[in-house]
PDB file of N, CA and C in Angstrom:
ATOM      1  N   MET A   1       5.612  17.007  -8.187  1.00  0.00           N
ATOM      2  CA  MET A   1       4.316  16.912  -7.515  1.00  0.00           C
ATOM      3  C   MET A   1       3.780  15.484  -7.580  1.00  0.00           C
ATOM      4  N   LEU A   2       2.865  15.223  -6.693  1.00  0.00           N
ATOM      5  CA  LEU A   2       2.234  13.905  -6.651  1.00  0.00           C
ATOM      6  C   LEU A   2       1.183  13.805  -7.745  1.00  0.00           C
ATOM      7  N   SER A   3       1.219  12.718  -8.475  1.00  0.00           N
ATOM      8  CA  SER A   3       0.214  12.528  -9.517  1.00  0.00           C
ATOM      9  C   SER A   3      -1.079  11.955  -8.935  1.00  0.00           C
ATOM     10  N   LYS A   4      -0.963  11.244  -7.810  1.00  0.00           N
ATOM     11  CA  LYS A   4      -2.133  10.678  -7.139  1.00  0.00           C
ATOM     12  C   LYS A   4      -2.047  11.030  -5.657  1.00  0.00           C
ATOM     13  N   PRO A   5      -3.179  11.204  -5.004  1.00  0.00           N
ATOM     14  CA  PRO A   5      -3.144  11.534  -3.575  1.00  0.00           C
ATOM     15  C   PRO A   5      -2.652  10.354  -2.744  1.00  0.00           C
ATOM     16  N   LEU A   6      -2.145  10.671  -1.574  1.00  0.00           N
ATOM     17  CA  LEU A   6      -1.702   9.637  -0.654  1.00  0.00           C
ATOM     18  C   LEU A   6      -2.899   9.063   0.090  1.00  0.00           C
ATOM     19  N   MET A   7      -2.808   7.793   0.439  1.00  0.00           N
ATOM     20  CA  MET A   7      -3.890   7.110   1.141  1.00  0.00           C
ATOM     21  C   MET A   7      -3.578   7.045   2.633  1.00  0.00           C
ATOM     22  N   THR A   8      -4.604   7.150   3.455  1.00  0.00           N
ATOM     23  CA  THR A   8      -4.447   6.996   4.894  1.00  0.00           C
ATOM     24  C   THR A   8      -4.393   5.505   5.231  1.00  0.00           C
ATOM     25  N   THR A   9      -3.991   5.191   6.454  1.00  0.00           N
ATOM     26  CA  THR A   9      -4.001   3.787   6.876  1.00  0.00           C
ATOM     27  C   THR A   9      -5.428   3.246   6.875  1.00  0.00           C
ATOM     28  N   HIS A  10      -6.387   4.107   7.156  1.00  0.00           N
ATOM     29  CA  HIS A  10      -7.791   3.704   7.106  1.00  0.00           C
ATOM     30  C   HIS A  10      -8.190   3.336   5.681  1.00  0.00           C
ATOM     31  N   ASP A  11      -7.781   4.158   4.708  1.00  0.00           N
ATOM     32  CA  ASP A  11      -8.087   3.882   3.299  1.00  0.00           C
ATOM     33  C   ASP A  11      -7.503   2.539   2.865  1.00  0.00           C
ATOM     34  N   VAL A  12      -6.247   2.302   3.223  1.00  0.00           N
ATOM     35  CA  VAL A  12      -5.570   1.063   2.846  1.00  0.00           C
ATOM     36  C   VAL A  12      -6.262  -0.132   3.505  1.00  0.00           C
ATOM     37  N   ALA A  13      -6.572  -0.009   4.783  1.00  0.00           N
ATOM     38  CA  ALA A  13      -7.230  -1.096   5.511  1.00  0.00           C
ATOM     39  C   ALA A  13      -8.588  -1.421   4.894  1.00  0.00           C
ATOM     40  N   GLU A  14      -9.329  -0.402   4.559  1.00  0.00           N
ATOM     41  CA  GLU A  14     -10.649  -0.610   3.965  1.00  0.00           C
ATOM     42  C   GLU A  14     -10.530  -1.277   2.594  1.00  0.00           C
ATOM     43  N   LEU A  15      -9.568  -0.844   1.804  1.00  0.00           N
ATOM     44  CA  LEU A  15      -9.367  -1.391   0.469  1.00  0.00           C
ATOM     45  C   LEU A  15      -8.958  -2.859   0.507  1.00  0.00           C
ATOM     46  N   LEU A  16      -8.067  -3.207   1.441  1.00  0.00           N
ATOM     47  CA  LEU A  16      -7.563  -4.580   1.536  1.00  0.00           C
ATOM     48  C   LEU A  16      -8.367  -5.459   2.489  1.00  0.00           C
ATOM     49  N   LYS A  17      -9.367  -4.873   3.137  1.00  0.00           N
ATOM     50  CA  LYS A  17     -10.238  -5.620   4.070  1.00  0.00           C
ATOM     51  C   LYS A  17      -9.449  -6.215   5.230  1.00  0.00           C
ATOM     52  N   VAL A  18      -8.579  -5.376   5.816  1.00  0.00           N
ATOM     53  CA  VAL A  18      -7.833  -5.747   7.018  1.00  0.00           C
ATOM     54  C   VAL A  18      -7.997  -4.618   8.025  1.00  0.00           C
ATOM     55  N   SER A  19      -7.491  -4.814   9.234  1.00  0.00           N
ATOM     56  CA  SER A  19      -7.609  -3.767  10.246  1.00  0.00           C
ATOM     57  C   SER A  19      -6.528  -2.705  10.042  1.00  0.00           C
ATOM     58  N   GLU A  20      -6.773  -1.529  10.593  1.00  0.00           N
ATOM     59  CA  GLU A  20      -5.774  -0.463  10.543  1.00  0.00           C
ATOM     60  C   GLU A  20      -4.522  -0.875  11.309  1.00  0.00           C
ATOM     61  N   ALA A  21      -4.687  -1.642  12.378  1.00  0.00           N
ATOM     62  CA  ALA A  21      -3.534  -2.124  13.147  1.00  0.00           C
ATOM     63  C   ALA A  21      -2.648  -3.014  12.273  1.00  0.00           C
ATOM     64  N   THR A  22      -3.244  -3.811  11.418  1.00  0.00           N
ATOM     65  CA  THR A  22      -2.477  -4.649  10.495  1.00  0.00           C
ATOM     66  C   THR A  22      -1.667  -3.789   9.546  1.00  0.00           C
ATOM     67  N   VAL A  23      -2.285  -2.753   9.001  1.00  0.00           N
ATOM     68  CA  VAL A  23      -1.589  -1.848   8.083  1.00  0.00           C
ATOM     69  C   VAL A  23      -0.434  -1.157   8.804  1.00  0.00           C
ATOM     70  N   ARG A  24      -0.685  -0.664  10.008  1.00  0.00           N
ATOM     71  CA  ARG A  24       0.380  -0.017  10.774  1.00  0.00           C
ATOM     72  C   ARG A  24       1.508  -1.005  11.080  1.00  0.00           C
ATOM     73  N   GLY A  25       1.159  -2.258  11.326  1.00  0.00           N
ATOM     74  CA  GLY A  25       2.173  -3.288  11.563  1.00  0.00           C
ATOM     75  C   GLY A  25       3.051  -3.498  10.341  1.00  0.00           C
ATOM     76  N   TRP A  26       2.432  -3.549   9.159  1.00  0.00           N
ATOM     77  CA  TRP A  26       3.207  -3.677   7.918  1.00  0.00           C
ATOM     78  C   TRP A  26       4.149  -2.497   7.754  1.00  0.00           C
ATOM     79  N   ILE A  27       3.676  -1.308   8.096  1.00  0.00           N
ATOM     80  CA  ILE A  27       4.503  -0.102   7.981  1.00  0.00           C
ATOM     81  C   ILE A  27       5.664  -0.179   8.966  1.00  0.00           C
ATOM     82  N   HIS A  28       5.387  -0.518  10.208  1.00  0.00           N
ATOM     83  CA  HIS A  28       6.431  -0.589  11.234  1.00  0.00           C
ATOM     84  C   HIS A  28       7.432  -1.710  10.963  1.00  0.00           C
ATOM     85  N   ASP A  29       6.976  -2.783  10.310  1.00  0.00           N
ATOM     86  CA  ASP A  29       7.869  -3.893   9.950  1.00  0.00           C
ATOM     87  C   ASP A  29       8.595  -3.627   8.630  1.00  0.00           C
ATOM     88  N   THR A  30       8.401  -2.445   8.074  1.00  0.00           N
ATOM     89  CA  THR A  30       8.970  -1.988   6.795  1.00  0.00           C
ATOM     90  C   THR A  30       8.589  -2.875   5.612  1.00  0.00           C
ATOM     91  N   GLU A  31       7.443  -3.524   5.695  1.00  0.00           N
ATOM     92  CA  GLU A  31       6.935  -4.282   4.559  1.00  0.00           C
ATOM     93  C   GLU A  31       6.193  -3.352   3.598  1.00  0.00           C
ATOM     94  N   LEU A  32       5.538  -2.343   4.145  1.00  0.00           N
ATOM     95  CA  LEU A  32       4.773  -1.380   3.355  1.00  0.00           C
ATOM     96  C   LEU A  32       5.399  -0.011   3.541  1.00  0.00           C
ATOM     97  N   ARG A  33       5.820   0.589   2.435  1.00  0.00           N
ATOM     98  CA  ARG A  33       6.464   1.908   2.480  1.00  0.00           C
ATOM     99  C   ARG A  33       5.409   2.976   2.741  1.00  0.00           C
ATOM    100  N   ALA A  34       5.717   3.899   3.629  1.00  0.00           N
ATOM    101  CA  ALA A  34       4.784   4.964   3.975  1.00  0.00           C
ATOM    102  C   ALA A  34       5.545   6.232   4.333  1.00  0.00           C
ATOM    103  N   VAL A  35       4.824   7.339   4.336  1.00  0.00           N
ATOM    104  CA  VAL A  35       5.382   8.639   4.696  1.00  0.00           C
ATOM    105  C   VAL A  35       4.685   9.089   5.969  1.00  0.00           C
ATOM    106  N   ARG A  36       5.464   9.556   6.926  1.00  0.00           N
ATOM    107  CA  ARG A  36       4.869  10.056   8.164  1.00  0.00           C
ATOM    108  C   ARG A  36       4.489  11.521   7.954  1.00  0.00           C
ATOM    109  N   VAL A  37       3.227  11.826   8.208  1.00  0.00           N
ATOM    110  CA  VAL A  37       2.723  13.192   8.124  1.00  0.00           C
ATOM    111  C   VAL A  37       2.157  13.515   9.506  1.00  0.00           C
ATOM    112  N   GLY A  38       2.910  14.289  10.272  1.00  0.00           N
ATOM    113  CA  GLY A  38       2.503  14.540  11.651  1.00  0.00           C
ATOM    114  C   GLY A  38       2.573  13.250  12.435  1.00  0.00           C
ATOM    115  N   ARG A  39       1.448  12.869  13.029  1.00  0.00           N
ATOM    116  CA  ARG A  39       1.401  11.631  13.819  1.00  0.00           C
ATOM    117  C   ARG A  39       0.836  10.460  13.028  1.00  0.00           C
ATOM    118  N   GLU A  40       0.499  10.681  11.781  1.00  0.00           N
ATOM    119  CA  GLU A  40      -0.130   9.639  10.971  1.00  0.00           C
ATOM    120  C   GLU A  40       0.750   9.250   9.795  1.00  0.00           C
ATOM    121  N   PHE A  41       0.412   8.139   9.169  1.00  0.00           N
ATOM    122  CA  PHE A  41       1.127   7.668   7.993  1.00  0.00           C
ATOM    123  C   PHE A  41       0.256   7.826   6.760  1.00  0.00           C
ATOM    124  N   ARG A  42       0.916   8.017   5.624  1.00  0.00           N
ATOM    125  CA  ARG A  42       0.249   8.057   4.333  1.00  0.00           C
ATOM    126  C   ARG A  42       0.988   7.105   3.407  1.00  0.00           C
ATOM    127  N   VAL A  43       0.240   6.439   2.537  1.00  0.00           N
ATOM    128  CA  VAL A  43       0.806   5.449   1.625  1.00  0.00           C
ATOM    129  C   VAL A  43       0.507   5.879   0.192  1.00  0.00           C
ATOM    130  N   ALA A  44       1.537   5.912  -0.635  1.00  0.00           N
ATOM    131  CA  ALA A  44       1.364   6.232  -2.054  1.00  0.00           C
ATOM    132  C   ALA A  44       0.745   5.022  -2.752  1.00  0.00           C
ATOM    133  N   VAL A  45      -0.078   5.284  -3.744  1.00  0.00           N
ATOM    134  CA  VAL A  45      -0.743   4.213  -4.490  1.00  0.00           C
ATOM    135  C   VAL A  45       0.294   3.260  -5.085  1.00  0.00           C
ATOM    136  N   LYS A  46       1.367   3.804  -5.652  1.00  0.00           N
ATOM    137  CA  LYS A  46       2.391   2.946  -6.268  1.00  0.00           C
ATOM    138  C   LYS A  46       3.061   2.046  -5.226  1.00  0.00           C
ATOM    139  N   ASP A  47       3.215   2.540  -3.991  1.00  0.00           N
ATOM    140  CA  ASP A  47       3.806   1.713  -2.936  1.00  0.00           C
ATOM    141  C   ASP A  47       2.851   0.612  -2.496  1.00  0.00           C
ATOM    142  N   LEU A  48       1.565   0.903  -2.467  1.00  0.00           N
ATOM    143  CA  LEU A  48       0.579  -0.123  -2.138  1.00  0.00           C
ATOM    144  C   LEU A  48       0.545  -1.187  -3.229  1.00  0.00           C
ATOM    145  N   GLU A  49       0.600  -0.759  -4.494  1.00  0.00           N
ATOM    146  CA  GLU A  49       0.618  -1.711  -5.604  1.00  0.00           C
ATOM    147  C   GLU A  49       1.854  -2.604  -5.524  1.00  0.00           C
ATOM    148  N   ALA A  50       3.015  -2.022  -5.198  1.00  0.00           N
ATOM    149  CA  ALA A  50       4.248  -2.802  -5.074  1.00  0.00           C
ATOM    150  C   ALA A  50       4.123  -3.806  -3.930  1.00  0.00           C
ATOM    151  N   PHE A  51       3.521  -3.400  -2.821  1.00  0.00           N
ATOM    152  CA  PHE A  51       3.321  -4.285  -1.676  1.00  0.00           C
ATOM    153  C   PHE A  51       2.435  -5.465  -2.066  1.00  0.00           C
ATOM    154  N   VAL A  52       1.329  -5.185  -2.732  1.00  0.00           N
ATOM    155  CA  VAL A  52       0.405  -6.248  -3.141  1.00  0.00           C
ATOM    156  C   VAL A  52       1.099  -7.193  -4.118  1.00  0.00           C
ATOM    157  N   ASN A  53       1.824  -6.644  -5.084  1.00  0.00           N
ATOM    158  CA  ASN A  53       2.525  -7.489  -6.054  1.00  0.00           C
ATOM    159  C   ASN A  53       3.590  -8.343  -5.387  1.00  0.00           C
ATOM    160  N   ALA A  54       4.284  -7.799  -4.404  1.00  0.00           N
ATOM    161  CA  ALA A  54       5.327  -8.542  -3.706  1.00  0.00           C
ATOM    162  C   ALA A  54       4.748  -9.688  -2.880  1.00  0.00           C
ATOM    163  N   HIS A  55       3.496  -9.576  -2.482  1.00  0.00           N
ATOM    164  CA  HIS A  55       2.874 -10.607  -1.645  1.00  0.00           C
ATOM    165  C   HIS A  55       1.925 -11.513  -2.430  1.00  0.00           C
ATOM    166  N   ALA A  56       1.942 -11.394  -3.742  1.00  0.00           N
ATOM    167  CA  ALA A  56       1.097 -12.250  -4.583  1.00  0.00           C
ATOM    168  C   ALA A  56       1.638 -13.676  -4.554  1.00  0.00           C
ATOM    169  N   THR A  57       0.754 -14.637  -4.653  1.00  0.00           N
ATOM    170  CA  THR A  57       1.174 -16.036  -4.621  1.00  0.00           C
ATOM    171  C   THR A  57       1.714 -16.504  -5.966  1.00  0.00           C
ATOM    172  N   MET A  58       1.361 -15.788  -7.034  1.00  0.00           N
ATOM    173  CA  MET A  58       1.840 -16.138  -8.368  1.00  0.00           C
ATOM    174  C   MET A  58       2.272 -14.851  -9.065  1.00  0.00           C
ATOM    175  N   PRO A  59       3.254 -14.932  -9.953  1.00  0.00           N
ATOM    176  CA  PRO A  59       3.649 -13.741 -10.704  1.00  0.00           C
ATOM    177  C   PRO A  59       2.528 -13.305 -11.637  1.00  0.00           C
ATOM    178  N   ALA A  60       2.516 -12.031 -11.997  1.00  0.00           N
ATOM    179  CA  ALA A  60       1.511 -11.517 -12.916  1.00  0.00           C
ATOM    180  C   ALA A  60       1.697 -12.179 -14.286  1.00  0.00           C
ATOM    181  N   ALA A  61       0.600 -12.313 -15.024  1.00  0.00           N
ATOM    182  CA  ALA A  61       0.663 -12.871 -16.362  1.00  0.00           C
ATOM    183  C   ALA A  61       1.499 -11.968 -17.264  1.00  0.00           C
ATOM    184  N   ALA A  62       2.155 -12.534 -18.227  1.00  0.00           N
ATOM    185  CA  ALA A  62       2.996 -11.768 -19.159  1.00  0.00           C
ATOM    186  C   ALA A  62       2.154 -10.701 -19.848  1.00  0.00           C
ATOM    187  N   GLY A  63       2.670  -9.491 -19.846  1.00  0.00           N
ATOM    188  CA  GLY A  63       1.968  -8.379 -20.493  1.00  0.00           C
ATOM    189  C   GLY A  63       0.869  -7.783 -19.644  1.00  0.00           C
ATOM    190  N   ASP A  64       0.719  -8.263 -18.413  1.00  0.00           N
ATOM    191  CA  ASP A  64      -0.338  -7.761 -17.531  1.00  0.00           C
ATOM    192  C   ASP A  64       0.229  -6.758 -16.538  1.00  0.00           C
ATOM    193  N   ASP A  65       0.866  -5.713 -17.065  1.00  0.00           N
ATOM    194  CA  ASP A  65       1.463  -4.705 -16.195  1.00  0.00           C
ATOM    195  C   ASP A  65       0.672  -3.414 -16.176  1.00  0.00           C
ATOM    196  N   THR A  66      -0.568  -3.461 -16.649  1.00  0.00           N
ATOM    197  CA  THR A  66      -1.405  -2.273 -16.632  1.00  0.00           C
ATOM    198  C   THR A  66      -2.053  -2.124 -15.270  1.00  0.00           C
ATOM    199  N   PRO A  67      -2.022  -0.923 -14.697  1.00  0.00           N
ATOM    200  CA  PRO A  67      -2.651  -0.727 -13.391  1.00  0.00           C
ATOM    201  C   PRO A  67      -4.168  -0.826 -13.491  1.00  0.00           C
ATOM    202  N   THR A  68      -4.760  -1.382 -12.437  1.00  0.00           N
ATOM    203  CA  THR A  68      -6.235  -1.498 -12.414  1.00  0.00           C
ATOM    204  C   THR A  68      -6.845  -0.583 -11.419  1.00  0.00           C
TER     205      THR A  68
END
């Protein structure tokens, strides 16, 4: 079972302060992993965290692997 609920493209866009079209573009370009549910996409929190970490300009500080 899922430990955390899946986020909609709207949720992700609102959280990252970008448009939903940008989020859908990341999904279609396979930069952001998502699950198709009907006609919409859902993003797992862990996949969003991995996406953000992969696009960070600097690596995380040593020992700073706790989720926020």
